Amino acid sequence: GSLNLTTRNGSLHCPHLFRGPLYAVVLNATIKFTHSADGWHIESNDIAVRNPDGAATGKGSFFVPADGSSPQLDLDAEVSNVDVRNKSAYFPVGIMPKPVVKWLDDSIISGKVPQGTLSVHGKLADFPYDKGQGLFDIRFHLIHGVLDYAPGWPRVENLDADIEFRNQGLSAEVRGGTILGDDLTGTKAAFADLRSGILRIDGGARGGAQAVLEFLRNGPLKDRFGDYLNSLQVAGRSDVDLHLTLPVKQLHNFKLDGTAQLHNVAIKMPAASAWGLSDLTGDLHFSRNGVSTENIQGRMLGQPLAIKLEPGKGDAADTTVFEAHGGADAAALMTGFGLTPKNALQGRTTWTARGRIPNAPAARTAGLSLAVNSDLAGLAVNLPQPLGKQADTVAPIDASWTILRGGHTQVDLTYADRGAARLQFLLQKHAWHFDRGAVSVGGDTLALPAKPGLSISGKLDTFDTRAWRKITGTDISNSGAELLHLPALLQHVDLQVEHFSGFGQTFNGLHLLLEKQPQSWQIELASAAIGGRIDLPFTVDAQHPIVAD
C-alpha cells in the first residue's frame, strides 16, 4: 500500500531512538509499505520536513524482519538552515553511548548549519558499524559556533568548521574561530571512537600574548601557577601550537603539549613596573606539569636578558627550575629601587638569577625560591660607606627570595663583607608589604626583630649623618641645627662607630643606640668624649622640646 502525507504541526514518536517527539511544522512524504514472508518494507523517496530548527529533504527505507532480528535503516537526507541550539532533540540516543550523548549535549552551545547531509545504512543492532557492517555518516558545515568542549577550558567561539560523524568516530576541520580572542589556525579535532570519549585536538592560535597568560592563569593549568600570574600584564604577539588529548569522562587525566612562540612580548607588574621584561622572543613550552624553554631572549633593566626554564630533577623533580642572565644599567636600577640623588649609581653591571617554581604552587607556595648574584663590576655606587664603591671594584652582592608559609616572603642579602640583611614581607590584597627586617654591618649576627619594623646593628669605620642626609634629601633648618629624620619603618639601631660625624660634632669610638618610642626617638651615646641620653620628639616644637641628659 501507499500513504500520502501532508501534515501541518505534526510529530513523530520513536522512543527507541529519540528522547521525545520530533515536531514538524510541515511534513510531506509519499510512503510505500509492503508485507511479505520476510517482514515489513517501508520506503519513501520524497521526504520533506521543516520546523523552527531547520529543514530537511531525503529518501529512505526501513525493513522490519519477520524473524524478530534487528531492523535495518537506509536513509539519505540533506539538511539546511539548522539552528543547533536544540540539537539534543535529534540525537539518536537509543543507539549512542551515554557519555558521548552528555558530551554533545554540554559542549555544543550554539551555531548555524547552512547545509549538511545524513546517511545511515545498516542494521540498528550493529550501530555504530565499527566493523564495517554499515554506515553512519553525518556531515555538516557549522558557522557562528560556540563550543564548550570541557569544563575549565576556554571556549571556542565564532567557530567555522566542517564536522563529520562517521560510524564510531567524529572529526572536525576548523576553518576559523577564536579562543580567548586569538584566531584559530590549522586546527583539527577528532574522537577516533566516541565510545571511548577521548578527544584529540591538534592546532594553533595566532594573536596576542595576553591569551597565553589567560590560558595559564584561568584554564586547566591554573593550579600549577596559583595566584602568581594574577598581577602580571602582558603585551605583544604570540603564536601557539597545541596538542591535546582530553578524556571527556575523566577530564583530570588530560595530556597537553603546547608551544607559545613569543614575538616581542612585554611582561610587567603594575606595582613594580620598573622591573618589567620587554622584547621577549623565543619558544615557551607548556604541559600539564608546567612550563619550559631552552632560551628566551629579551631585555630587563635596560640590558639584554636570557631566560631558561626546565623541569626539575632528583629532589626538585616536582618543580620547574629557571635560570636567567642579564645586565642592568644605573638609571634603570635607580628607578627600580627609588634611589636618589640621580648620580647614586653610575655605569652598568651583569647579574645571574636562579630559582625554582613548584609545579603546584597553588597548594605549595613554600617551594618558590629565587637567588640573584652579581659582582657589581662596572657599576659605581656613589653612596656613603659602607655601601660606596668605584666602578672598577668588585663587591659581590647575593640576594635570595623565598616564599614562606602563612603568606610571608623573605629576602636575604649579603654585600661583600660589608653587610647583610634579612627582610620579611606579608601578602595583603595581592601585594607584598614590608613587615620586619634586620640589617647587619661589619659581620654582626642577623636576628629578626620580635615586632614589625627594621633593626640595624653592627660595626662601622665611619658614619657621617650629613653625607647620608644629602642622599635622603632631608633639609637643614634655618638655624643650621641638624634634625634627625629617620624612616618610619626603622625601630632600633645599635651601632659601634669608630669615627662618627653628626650634630656638628665628631666622635671616635662611639656606641650609638636608638630606640623608637611612641612619640620620640630615644638616643643613647657612649664614647670617651661624650655619654648620655637624648629624647628627640618626632615633631620638635615648644610643647615637644629636645631633652638631653
Protein backbone atom coordinates (compact mmCIF):
# COMPACT_ATOMS: atom_id res chain seq x y z
CA GLY A 1 0.00 0.00 0.00
CA SER A 2 0.94 3.66 0.00
CA LEU A 3 0.26 6.73 2.06
CA ASN A 4 0.49 10.38 1.02
CA LEU A 5 1.32 12.60 3.99
CA THR A 6 0.74 16.31 4.02
CA THR A 7 0.97 17.27 7.65
CA ARG A 8 0.94 20.57 9.50
CA ASN A 9 2.19 20.81 13.08
CA GLY A 10 2.71 17.09 13.38
CA SER A 11 5.07 14.95 15.40
CA LEU A 12 6.95 11.69 15.08
CA HIS A 13 7.37 9.37 18.05
CA CYS A 14 10.36 6.99 18.02
CA PRO A 15 11.10 6.34 21.72
CA HIS A 16 13.69 3.65 20.94
CA LEU A 17 15.77 6.28 19.08
CA PHE A 18 14.98 9.79 20.29
CA ARG A 19 14.39 11.41 23.68
CA GLY A 20 10.96 12.68 22.69
CA PRO A 21 8.72 13.50 19.76
CA LEU A 22 10.21 15.17 16.70
CA TYR A 23 7.97 18.06 15.74
CA ALA A 24 7.33 19.31 12.22
CA VAL A 25 5.59 22.45 11.13
CA VAL A 26 5.42 20.94 7.65
CA LEU A 27 5.86 17.26 6.72
CA ASN A 28 5.33 15.97 3.20
CA ALA A 29 6.07 12.42 2.09
CA THR A 30 4.76 9.56 -0.03
CA ILE A 31 5.24 6.35 1.94
CA LYS A 32 5.04 2.91 0.40
CA PHE A 33 4.79 -0.21 2.52
CA THR A 34 4.64 -3.88 1.76
CA HIS A 35 4.43 -7.02 3.82
CA SER A 36 5.89 -10.35 2.85
CA ALA A 37 7.04 -13.52 4.47
CA ASP A 38 10.39 -11.97 5.39
CA GLY A 39 8.86 -8.88 7.07
CA TRP A 40 7.71 -5.30 6.58
CA HIS A 41 9.26 -2.97 3.99
CA ILE A 42 8.62 0.76 4.37
CA GLU A 43 10.11 3.35 2.00
CA SER A 44 9.80 6.91 0.77
CA ASN A 45 11.61 8.81 -1.95
CA ASP A 46 10.29 12.31 -1.29
CA ILE A 47 10.50 13.16 2.38
CA ALA A 48 10.41 16.91 3.16
CA VAL A 49 10.21 18.31 6.67
CA ARG A 50 10.55 21.75 8.21
CA ASN A 51 10.36 23.18 11.73
CA PRO A 52 11.85 26.16 13.60
CA ASP A 53 15.18 24.30 13.98
CA GLY A 54 15.74 23.76 10.25
CA ALA A 55 14.67 21.93 7.12
CA ALA A 56 15.45 18.53 5.58
CA THR A 57 14.72 16.55 2.43
CA GLY A 58 15.56 12.95 1.71
CA LYS A 59 14.66 9.39 0.94
CA GLY A 60 14.91 6.16 2.82
CA SER A 61 13.63 2.72 3.67
CA PHE A 62 13.02 0.76 6.84
CA PHE A 63 12.88 -3.04 6.99
CA VAL A 64 11.48 -4.93 9.98
CA PRO A 65 12.33 -8.66 9.68
CA ALA A 66 9.64 -11.18 10.48
CA ASP A 67 12.09 -13.30 12.47
CA GLY A 68 12.47 -10.60 15.11
CA SER A 69 16.06 -9.78 14.20
CA SER A 70 17.35 -6.25 14.07
CA PRO A 71 15.57 -3.77 11.79
CA GLN A 72 17.57 -2.17 9.00
CA LEU A 73 17.54 1.51 8.13
CA ASP A 74 18.68 3.04 4.83
CA LEU A 75 18.38 6.81 4.86
CA ASP A 76 19.92 9.65 2.85
CA ALA A 77 18.96 13.23 3.64
CA GLU A 78 20.06 16.79 3.20
CA VAL A 79 19.54 19.47 5.87
CA SER A 80 19.67 23.25 5.64
CA ASN A 81 19.43 26.33 7.83
CA VAL A 82 19.72 24.35 11.05
CA ASP A 83 19.94 26.04 14.44
CA VAL A 84 22.00 23.71 16.65
CA ARG A 85 20.78 25.09 19.99
CA ASN A 86 18.07 22.39 20.04
CA LYS A 87 20.42 19.69 18.74
CA SER A 88 19.78 17.31 21.65
CA ALA A 89 16.27 16.52 20.41
CA TYR A 90 17.71 14.99 17.23
CA PHE A 91 20.45 12.79 18.65
CA PRO A 92 19.56 9.08 18.19
CA VAL A 93 20.28 8.48 21.87
CA GLY A 94 18.87 4.97 21.76
CA ILE A 95 21.91 3.76 19.83
CA MET A 96 24.56 6.18 21.21
CA PRO A 97 26.82 5.75 24.30
CA LYS A 98 25.54 7.82 27.21
CA PRO A 99 28.89 9.61 27.93
CA VAL A 100 29.01 10.70 24.29
CA VAL A 101 25.45 11.98 24.40
CA LYS A 102 26.26 14.00 27.53
CA TRP A 103 29.36 15.49 25.92
CA LEU A 104 27.42 16.51 22.82
CA ASP A 105 24.64 17.98 24.96
CA ASP A 106 27.05 20.05 27.06
CA SER A 107 29.70 21.05 24.53
CA ILE A 108 27.75 22.36 21.53
CA ILE A 109 26.31 25.62 22.80
CA SER A 110 25.13 27.38 19.65
CA GLY A 111 25.70 27.77 15.94
CA LYS A 112 24.13 27.55 12.49
CA VAL A 113 24.36 24.82 9.84
CA PRO A 114 23.74 26.25 6.35
CA GLN A 115 23.84 22.76 4.87
CA GLY A 116 24.59 19.17 5.75
CA THR A 117 23.98 15.54 4.83
CA LEU A 118 22.90 12.41 6.68
CA SER A 119 23.40 8.82 5.61
CA VAL A 120 22.51 5.71 7.61
CA HIS A 121 22.77 2.24 6.08
CA GLY A 122 22.73 -0.85 8.23
CA LYS A 123 21.07 -2.85 10.95
CA LEU A 124 20.31 -0.82 14.04
CA ALA A 125 21.80 -3.52 16.26
CA ASP A 126 25.17 -3.17 14.52
CA PHE A 127 25.47 0.57 15.22
CA PRO A 128 27.99 2.25 15.27
CA TYR A 129 29.27 -0.04 12.49
CA ASP A 130 32.83 -0.05 13.79
CA LYS A 131 33.50 -3.36 11.97
CA GLY A 132 32.21 -2.22 8.60
CA GLN A 133 28.73 -3.75 8.91
CA GLY A 134 27.11 -0.49 7.82
CA LEU A 135 27.47 3.25 7.51
CA PHE A 136 26.50 6.11 9.81
CA ASP A 137 27.64 9.40 8.29
CA ILE A 138 26.62 12.95 9.20
CA ARG A 139 28.44 15.83 7.56
CA PHE A 140 27.71 19.50 8.02
CA HIS A 141 29.29 22.93 7.88
CA LEU A 142 28.98 24.85 11.17
CA ILE A 143 29.20 28.63 11.35
CA HIS A 144 28.99 31.09 14.26
CA GLY A 145 29.53 28.14 16.59
CA VAL A 146 30.27 28.21 20.30
CA LEU A 147 31.92 25.06 21.65
CA ASP A 148 32.41 24.46 25.37
CA TYR A 149 34.31 21.21 24.97
CA ALA A 150 35.41 20.76 28.62
CA PRO A 151 34.70 22.47 31.96
CA GLY A 152 37.56 24.73 32.99
CA TRP A 153 38.92 25.04 29.44
CA PRO A 154 38.48 28.17 27.33
CA ARG A 155 35.53 28.13 24.93
CA VAL A 156 35.91 28.14 21.18
CA GLU A 157 33.83 30.96 19.71
CA ASN A 158 32.93 32.16 16.21
CA LEU A 159 33.61 28.60 15.09
CA ASP A 160 33.58 27.88 11.35
CA ALA A 161 34.20 24.18 10.79
CA ASP A 162 33.45 21.11 8.68
CA ILE A 163 32.24 18.37 11.00
CA GLU A 164 31.69 14.69 10.28
CA PHE A 165 30.25 11.89 12.39
CA ARG A 166 31.30 8.65 10.69
CA ASN A 167 30.40 5.35 12.29
CA GLN A 168 32.06 5.29 15.72
CA GLY A 169 34.12 8.43 15.18
CA LEU A 170 33.84 12.20 14.94
CA SER A 171 36.18 14.62 13.20
CA ALA A 172 36.23 18.36 12.70
CA GLU A 173 38.40 20.54 10.50
CA VAL A 174 38.36 24.14 11.63
CA ARG A 175 38.29 26.86 9.02
CA GLY A 176 38.11 29.70 11.50
CA GLY A 177 37.26 30.65 15.06
CA THR A 178 38.67 32.25 18.16
CA ILE A 179 39.86 31.08 21.55
CA LEU A 180 40.47 33.69 24.22
CA GLY A 181 40.28 36.26 21.42
CA ASP A 182 43.04 34.69 19.32
CA ASP A 183 42.42 33.29 15.82
CA LEU A 184 42.47 29.50 15.42
CA THR A 185 44.70 28.19 12.62
CA GLY A 186 45.10 24.74 11.12
CA THR A 187 43.09 23.10 13.87
CA LYS A 188 41.66 19.59 13.72
CA ALA A 189 39.74 17.68 16.37
CA ALA A 190 38.63 14.05 16.47
CA PHE A 191 37.16 11.26 18.53
CA ALA A 192 38.62 8.10 17.00
CA ASP A 193 35.88 6.25 18.86
CA LEU A 194 33.12 8.22 20.52
CA ARG A 195 32.54 5.37 22.96
CA SER A 196 35.99 5.87 24.46
CA GLY A 197 35.29 9.57 24.98
CA ILE A 198 38.86 10.56 24.11
CA LEU A 199 39.07 13.84 22.21
CA ARG A 200 42.25 14.68 20.31
CA ILE A 201 42.88 18.30 19.29
CA ASP A 202 45.81 19.45 17.16
CA GLY A 203 46.10 23.02 16.02
CA GLY A 204 47.18 26.53 16.73
CA ALA A 205 46.17 30.06 17.52
CA ARG A 206 47.62 33.36 16.44
CA GLY A 207 47.16 36.64 18.25
CA GLY A 208 48.06 38.44 21.45
CA ALA A 209 50.26 37.05 24.20
CA GLN A 210 47.56 38.04 26.69
CA ALA A 211 45.62 34.94 25.58
CA VAL A 212 48.51 32.69 26.63
CA LEU A 213 48.57 34.37 30.04
CA GLU A 214 44.79 33.94 30.41
CA PHE A 215 45.06 30.26 29.49
CA LEU A 216 47.78 29.65 32.09
CA ARG A 217 46.04 31.81 34.70
CA ASN A 218 42.41 30.67 34.38
CA GLY A 219 42.49 27.46 32.35
CA PRO A 220 43.17 23.88 33.39
CA LEU A 221 46.74 24.75 34.43
CA LYS A 222 45.72 27.37 36.99
CA ASP A 223 46.56 25.06 39.90
CA ARG A 224 50.13 24.90 38.55
CA PHE A 225 50.62 28.63 38.91
CA GLY A 226 48.45 29.67 41.87
CA ASP A 227 47.93 33.41 42.19
CA TYR A 228 51.41 34.39 40.97
CA LEU A 229 50.19 35.32 37.48
CA ASN A 230 47.26 37.46 38.64
CA SER A 231 49.30 40.64 38.98
CA LEU A 232 51.00 40.36 35.58
CA GLN A 233 50.17 42.38 32.48
CA VAL A 234 51.27 41.16 29.06
CA ALA A 235 51.53 42.83 25.67
CA GLY A 236 52.87 41.60 22.36
CA ARG A 237 52.16 38.79 19.90
CA SER A 238 52.35 35.03 20.23
CA ASP A 239 51.74 32.01 18.00
CA VAL A 240 50.55 28.89 19.82
CA ASP A 241 50.76 25.28 18.65
CA LEU A 242 48.68 22.90 20.75
CA HIS A 243 48.33 19.13 21.00
CA LEU A 244 45.71 17.99 23.47
CA THR A 245 44.34 14.59 24.44
CA LEU A 246 41.19 15.08 26.52
CA PRO A 247 39.27 12.14 28.05
CA VAL A 248 35.82 13.70 28.42
CA LYS A 249 34.88 11.05 31.01
CA GLN A 250 37.94 11.87 33.16
CA LEU A 251 39.00 15.41 32.34
CA HIS A 252 41.71 15.48 35.01
CA ASN A 253 43.68 12.88 33.02
CA PHE A 254 44.27 15.21 30.07
CA LYS A 255 47.57 15.25 28.18
CA LEU A 256 48.85 18.60 26.91
CA ASP A 257 51.80 19.53 24.75
CA GLY A 258 51.92 23.16 23.67
CA THR A 259 54.37 25.76 22.44
CA ALA A 260 53.91 29.52 22.50
CA GLN A 261 56.21 31.38 20.14
CA LEU A 262 56.75 34.80 21.68
CA HIS A 263 57.28 37.82 19.45
CA ASN A 264 58.48 40.99 21.23
CA VAL A 265 56.37 40.28 24.29
CA ALA A 266 56.43 42.59 27.32
CA ILE A 267 55.55 41.48 30.85
CA LYS A 268 55.14 43.83 33.79
CA MET A 269 53.63 44.13 37.24
CA PRO A 270 51.86 47.48 37.76
CA ALA A 271 53.17 47.66 41.33
CA ALA A 272 56.77 47.24 40.09
CA SER A 273 56.76 48.46 36.51
CA ALA A 274 60.49 49.26 36.53
CA TRP A 275 61.24 45.54 36.88
CA GLY A 276 59.30 44.51 33.78
CA LEU A 277 60.54 42.39 30.89
CA SER A 278 60.40 43.53 27.27
CA ASP A 279 61.20 42.32 23.74
CA LEU A 280 60.81 38.67 24.78
CA THR A 281 61.33 36.34 21.83
CA GLY A 282 61.54 32.55 21.81
CA ASP A 283 59.56 29.35 22.36
CA LEU A 284 57.75 28.69 25.63
CA HIS A 285 56.70 25.06 26.04
CA PHE A 286 53.87 24.13 28.40
CA SER A 287 52.29 20.88 29.56
CA ARG A 288 50.15 19.77 32.48
CA ASN A 289 53.37 19.58 34.51
CA GLY A 290 54.49 23.18 33.99
CA VAL A 291 56.48 25.27 31.53
CA SER A 292 59.93 25.06 29.97
CA THR A 293 62.07 26.83 27.41
CA GLU A 294 65.54 26.44 26.00
CA ASN A 295 66.36 30.08 25.52
CA ILE A 296 64.11 33.14 25.56
CA GLN A 297 65.82 36.41 24.72
CA GLY A 298 64.62 39.81 25.87
CA ARG A 299 65.53 42.91 27.85
CA MET A 300 65.29 43.92 31.51
CA LEU A 301 66.68 46.90 33.40
CA GLY A 302 67.81 48.41 30.12
CA GLN A 303 70.05 45.47 29.16
CA PRO A 304 69.79 42.14 27.25
CA LEU A 305 68.29 39.16 29.06
CA ALA A 306 68.33 35.37 28.51
CA ILE A 307 65.91 33.01 30.30
CA LYS A 308 65.96 29.22 30.54
CA LEU A 309 63.27 27.02 32.12
CA GLU A 310 63.35 23.25 32.53
CA PRO A 311 61.74 20.52 34.66
CA GLY A 312 63.50 19.87 37.95
CA LYS A 313 65.44 16.67 38.56
CA GLY A 314 66.10 14.50 41.59
CA ASP A 315 64.85 16.08 44.79
CA ALA A 316 63.49 19.00 42.74
CA ALA A 317 61.51 16.81 40.32
CA ASP A 318 58.22 18.42 41.32
CA THR A 319 59.43 21.93 40.42
CA THR A 320 60.33 23.99 37.38
CA VAL A 321 63.91 25.23 37.54
CA PHE A 322 64.77 28.55 35.94
CA GLU A 323 67.94 30.46 35.18
CA ALA A 324 68.36 33.98 33.83
CA HIS A 325 71.38 36.03 32.79
CA GLY A 326 71.15 39.74 32.23
CA GLY A 327 72.54 43.18 32.79
CA ALA A 328 71.41 46.36 34.47
CA ASP A 329 72.25 49.97 33.83
CA ALA A 330 72.41 52.55 36.58
CA ALA A 331 69.36 54.59 35.52
CA ALA A 332 67.12 51.51 35.46
CA LEU A 333 68.38 50.34 38.85
CA MET A 334 67.83 53.73 40.47
CA THR A 335 64.28 53.82 39.10
CA GLY A 336 63.63 50.29 40.30
CA PHE A 337 64.94 50.92 43.81
CA GLY A 338 63.72 54.53 44.00
CA LEU A 339 67.24 55.83 44.72
CA THR A 340 68.20 59.49 44.96
CA PRO A 341 70.18 61.55 44.06
CA LYS A 342 70.35 60.86 40.33
CA ASN A 343 74.05 60.01 40.40
CA ALA A 344 73.77 57.49 43.24
CA LEU A 345 74.67 54.80 40.68
CA GLN A 346 76.70 55.09 37.51
CA GLY A 347 77.64 52.57 34.81
CA ARG A 348 76.24 49.08 34.31
CA THR A 349 76.81 45.56 35.54
CA THR A 350 75.70 41.97 34.95
CA TRP A 351 73.77 39.50 37.09
CA THR A 352 72.57 35.91 37.23
CA ALA A 353 69.31 34.63 38.73
CA ARG A 354 68.44 31.04 39.58
CA GLY A 355 65.43 29.54 41.29
CA ARG A 356 62.59 27.07 41.25
CA ILE A 357 58.82 27.20 40.95
CA PRO A 358 56.64 24.42 42.40
CA ASN A 359 54.58 22.59 39.79
CA ALA A 360 51.52 23.15 42.01
CA PRO A 361 52.21 26.44 43.81
CA ALA A 362 48.52 26.96 44.50
CA ALA A 363 48.89 24.15 47.02
CA ARG A 364 52.57 24.57 47.94
CA THR A 365 53.69 28.20 47.76
CA ALA A 366 56.55 27.42 50.16
CA GLY A 367 58.55 25.86 47.32
CA LEU A 368 59.09 29.08 45.36
CA SER A 369 62.61 30.48 45.60
CA LEU A 370 64.89 32.89 43.75
CA ALA A 371 68.58 33.75 44.09
CA VAL A 372 70.30 36.69 42.35
CA ASN A 373 74.08 37.17 42.20
CA SER A 374 76.26 39.96 40.84
CA ASP A 375 79.84 41.11 41.36
CA LEU A 376 78.74 44.71 40.56
CA ALA A 377 81.79 45.11 38.32
CA GLY A 378 81.30 48.18 36.12
CA LEU A 379 78.84 49.84 38.48
CA ALA A 380 79.89 52.78 40.64
CA VAL A 381 77.94 53.15 43.89
CA ASN A 382 78.13 56.82 44.91
CA LEU A 383 76.80 56.34 48.44
CA PRO A 384 78.48 56.84 51.81
CA GLN A 385 80.35 53.97 53.39
CA PRO A 386 79.90 51.10 53.86
CA LEU A 387 77.89 50.99 50.62
CA GLY A 388 80.03 53.10 48.29
CA LYS A 389 82.36 51.56 45.69
CA GLN A 390 84.14 52.53 42.47
CA ALA A 391 83.12 51.09 39.10
CA ASP A 392 86.30 49.01 38.76
CA THR A 393 85.89 47.47 42.21
CA VAL A 394 84.34 44.03 42.63
CA ALA A 395 81.86 43.82 45.51
CA PRO A 396 79.73 40.66 45.21
CA ILE A 397 76.10 41.01 46.17
CA ASP A 398 73.91 37.95 46.73
CA ALA A 399 70.16 38.10 47.21
CA SER A 400 67.64 35.31 47.75
CA TRP A 401 63.85 35.39 47.81
CA THR A 402 61.83 32.61 49.36
CA ILE A 403 58.09 32.19 49.79
CA LEU A 404 57.33 31.01 53.32
CA ARG A 405 54.15 29.52 54.71
CA GLY A 406 51.45 31.72 56.15
CA GLY A 407 51.53 34.44 53.47
CA HIS A 408 55.14 35.51 54.18
CA THR A 409 58.06 36.03 51.86
CA GLN A 410 61.68 36.50 52.95
CA VAL A 411 64.55 38.31 51.24
CA ASP A 412 68.17 37.69 52.33
CA LEU A 413 71.00 39.96 51.17
CA THR A 414 74.76 39.95 51.57
CA TYR A 415 77.02 42.71 50.25
CA ALA A 416 80.64 41.53 50.04
CA ASP A 417 81.98 41.59 53.62
CA ARG A 418 80.29 44.92 54.30
CA GLY A 419 76.86 43.88 55.48
CA ALA A 420 73.82 41.65 55.29
CA ALA A 421 70.06 41.95 55.63
CA ARG A 422 67.04 39.75 56.20
CA LEU A 423 63.65 41.22 55.33
CA GLN A 424 60.20 39.70 55.62
CA PHE A 425 57.06 40.79 53.77
CA LEU A 426 53.36 39.96 54.17
CA LEU A 427 50.99 39.28 51.28
CA GLN A 428 47.98 41.57 51.64
CA LYS A 429 45.45 42.30 48.90
CA HIS A 430 47.68 40.74 46.20
CA ALA A 431 50.67 42.92 47.13
CA TRP A 432 53.73 42.40 49.32
CA HIS A 433 54.09 44.80 52.27
CA PHE A 434 57.17 45.13 54.47
CA ASP A 435 56.67 43.52 57.88
CA ARG A 436 60.03 43.31 59.65
CA GLY A 437 63.73 43.06 58.95
CA ALA A 438 67.26 43.20 60.26
CA VAL A 439 70.35 44.85 58.75
CA SER A 440 73.82 43.94 59.94
CA VAL A 441 77.05 45.76 59.06
CA GLY A 442 80.59 44.67 59.71
CA GLY A 443 79.83 40.99 60.27
CA ASP A 444 77.31 41.27 63.10
CA THR A 445 74.85 38.40 63.53
CA LEU A 446 71.44 38.79 61.89
CA ALA A 447 68.39 38.46 64.12
CA LEU A 448 64.86 39.38 63.04
CA PRO A 449 63.10 41.71 65.49
CA ALA A 450 60.24 40.33 67.55
CA LYS A 451 57.85 43.04 66.35
CA PRO A 452 57.27 44.71 62.98
CA GLY A 453 59.87 47.21 61.84
CA LEU A 454 63.53 47.46 60.88
CA SER A 455 66.52 46.87 63.14
CA ILE A 456 70.10 47.92 62.27
CA SER A 457 73.17 46.73 64.16
CA GLY A 458 76.89 46.19 63.72
CA LYS A 459 80.20 48.00 63.42
CA LEU A 460 81.22 50.87 61.15
CA ASP A 461 84.56 52.50 60.48
CA THR A 462 82.92 55.84 59.66
CA PHE A 463 79.43 57.32 59.74
CA ASP A 464 78.60 60.88 58.64
CA THR A 465 75.00 61.98 59.15
CA ARG A 466 75.43 64.95 56.84
CA ALA A 467 76.57 62.68 53.97
CA TRP A 468 73.59 60.36 54.44
CA ARG A 469 71.17 63.26 54.64
CA LYS A 470 72.35 64.53 51.29
CA ILE A 471 71.39 61.12 49.92
CA THR A 472 68.00 61.02 51.60
CA GLY A 473 67.23 64.63 50.70
CA THR A 474 66.43 65.89 54.21
CA ASP A 475 66.77 69.63 54.87
CA ILE A 476 68.81 71.64 57.31
CA SER A 477 66.82 74.10 59.42
CA ASN A 478 67.24 77.86 59.11
CA SER A 479 69.17 77.93 62.37
CA GLY A 480 71.68 75.46 61.00
CA ALA A 481 70.91 72.79 63.60
CA GLU A 482 70.62 69.32 62.15
CA LEU A 483 67.38 67.46 62.63
CA LEU A 484 67.39 63.70 62.54
CA HIS A 485 64.79 62.45 60.07
CA LEU A 486 64.54 58.66 60.10
CA PRO A 487 62.37 56.26 58.04
CA ALA A 488 59.04 55.36 59.64
CA LEU A 489 59.80 51.64 59.42
CA LEU A 490 63.01 51.97 61.49
CA GLN A 491 62.59 50.73 65.08
CA HIS A 492 66.04 50.07 66.51
CA VAL A 493 69.69 50.98 65.86
CA ASP A 494 72.70 49.58 67.70
CA LEU A 495 75.99 50.63 66.09
CA GLN A 496 79.62 50.82 67.17
CA VAL A 497 81.24 53.58 65.09
CA GLU A 498 84.98 54.26 65.08
CA HIS A 499 84.63 57.73 63.53
CA PHE A 500 81.24 59.45 63.88
CA SER A 501 80.31 62.88 62.46
CA GLY A 502 76.95 64.45 63.21
CA PHE A 503 75.09 67.20 65.05
CA GLY A 504 78.07 69.47 64.41
CA GLN A 505 80.37 67.17 66.35
CA THR A 506 82.95 64.44 65.68
CA PHE A 507 83.46 61.47 68.00
CA ASN A 508 85.76 58.48 67.98
CA GLY A 509 84.81 55.09 69.36
CA LEU A 510 81.12 55.98 69.66
CA HIS A 511 78.44 53.50 70.68
CA LEU A 512 75.14 54.71 69.21
CA LEU A 513 71.85 53.24 70.43
CA LEU A 514 68.48 54.42 69.06
CA GLU A 515 65.13 53.10 70.21
CA LYS A 516 61.79 54.18 68.75
CA GLN A 517 59.27 55.23 71.38
CA PRO A 518 55.58 56.09 70.84
CA GLN A 519 56.26 59.85 70.40
CA SER A 520 60.02 60.20 70.07
CA TRP A 521 63.40 58.67 69.45
CA GLN A 522 65.43 57.73 72.49
CA ILE A 523 69.12 58.11 71.71
CA GLU A 524 71.99 56.89 73.87
CA LEU A 525 75.59 57.93 73.16
CA ALA A 526 78.69 56.47 74.73
CA SER A 527 82.33 57.31 73.95
CA ALA A 528 85.45 58.64 75.63
CA ALA A 529 84.36 62.21 74.77
CA ILE A 530 80.61 62.04 75.39
CA GLY A 531 77.98 59.98 77.12
CA GLY A 532 74.32 60.43 77.83
CA ARG A 533 70.78 60.26 76.56
CA ILE A 534 68.77 62.39 74.16
CA ASP A 535 65.00 62.32 73.77
CA LEU A 536 64.20 63.52 70.24
CA PRO A 537 60.46 64.02 69.51
CA PHE A 538 59.16 63.16 66.05
CA THR A 539 57.92 66.76 65.87
CA VAL A 540 60.06 69.36 67.66
CA ASP A 541 58.18 72.45 68.91
CA ALA A 542 57.58 74.39 72.11
CA GLN A 543 55.44 71.63 73.55
CA HIS A 544 57.80 68.88 72.41
CA PRO A 545 61.40 70.04 73.03
CA ILE A 546 64.56 68.02 72.63
CA VAL A 547 65.69 66.81 76.05
CA ALA A 548 69.35 65.93 76.58
CA ASP A 549 70.93 64.44 79.67
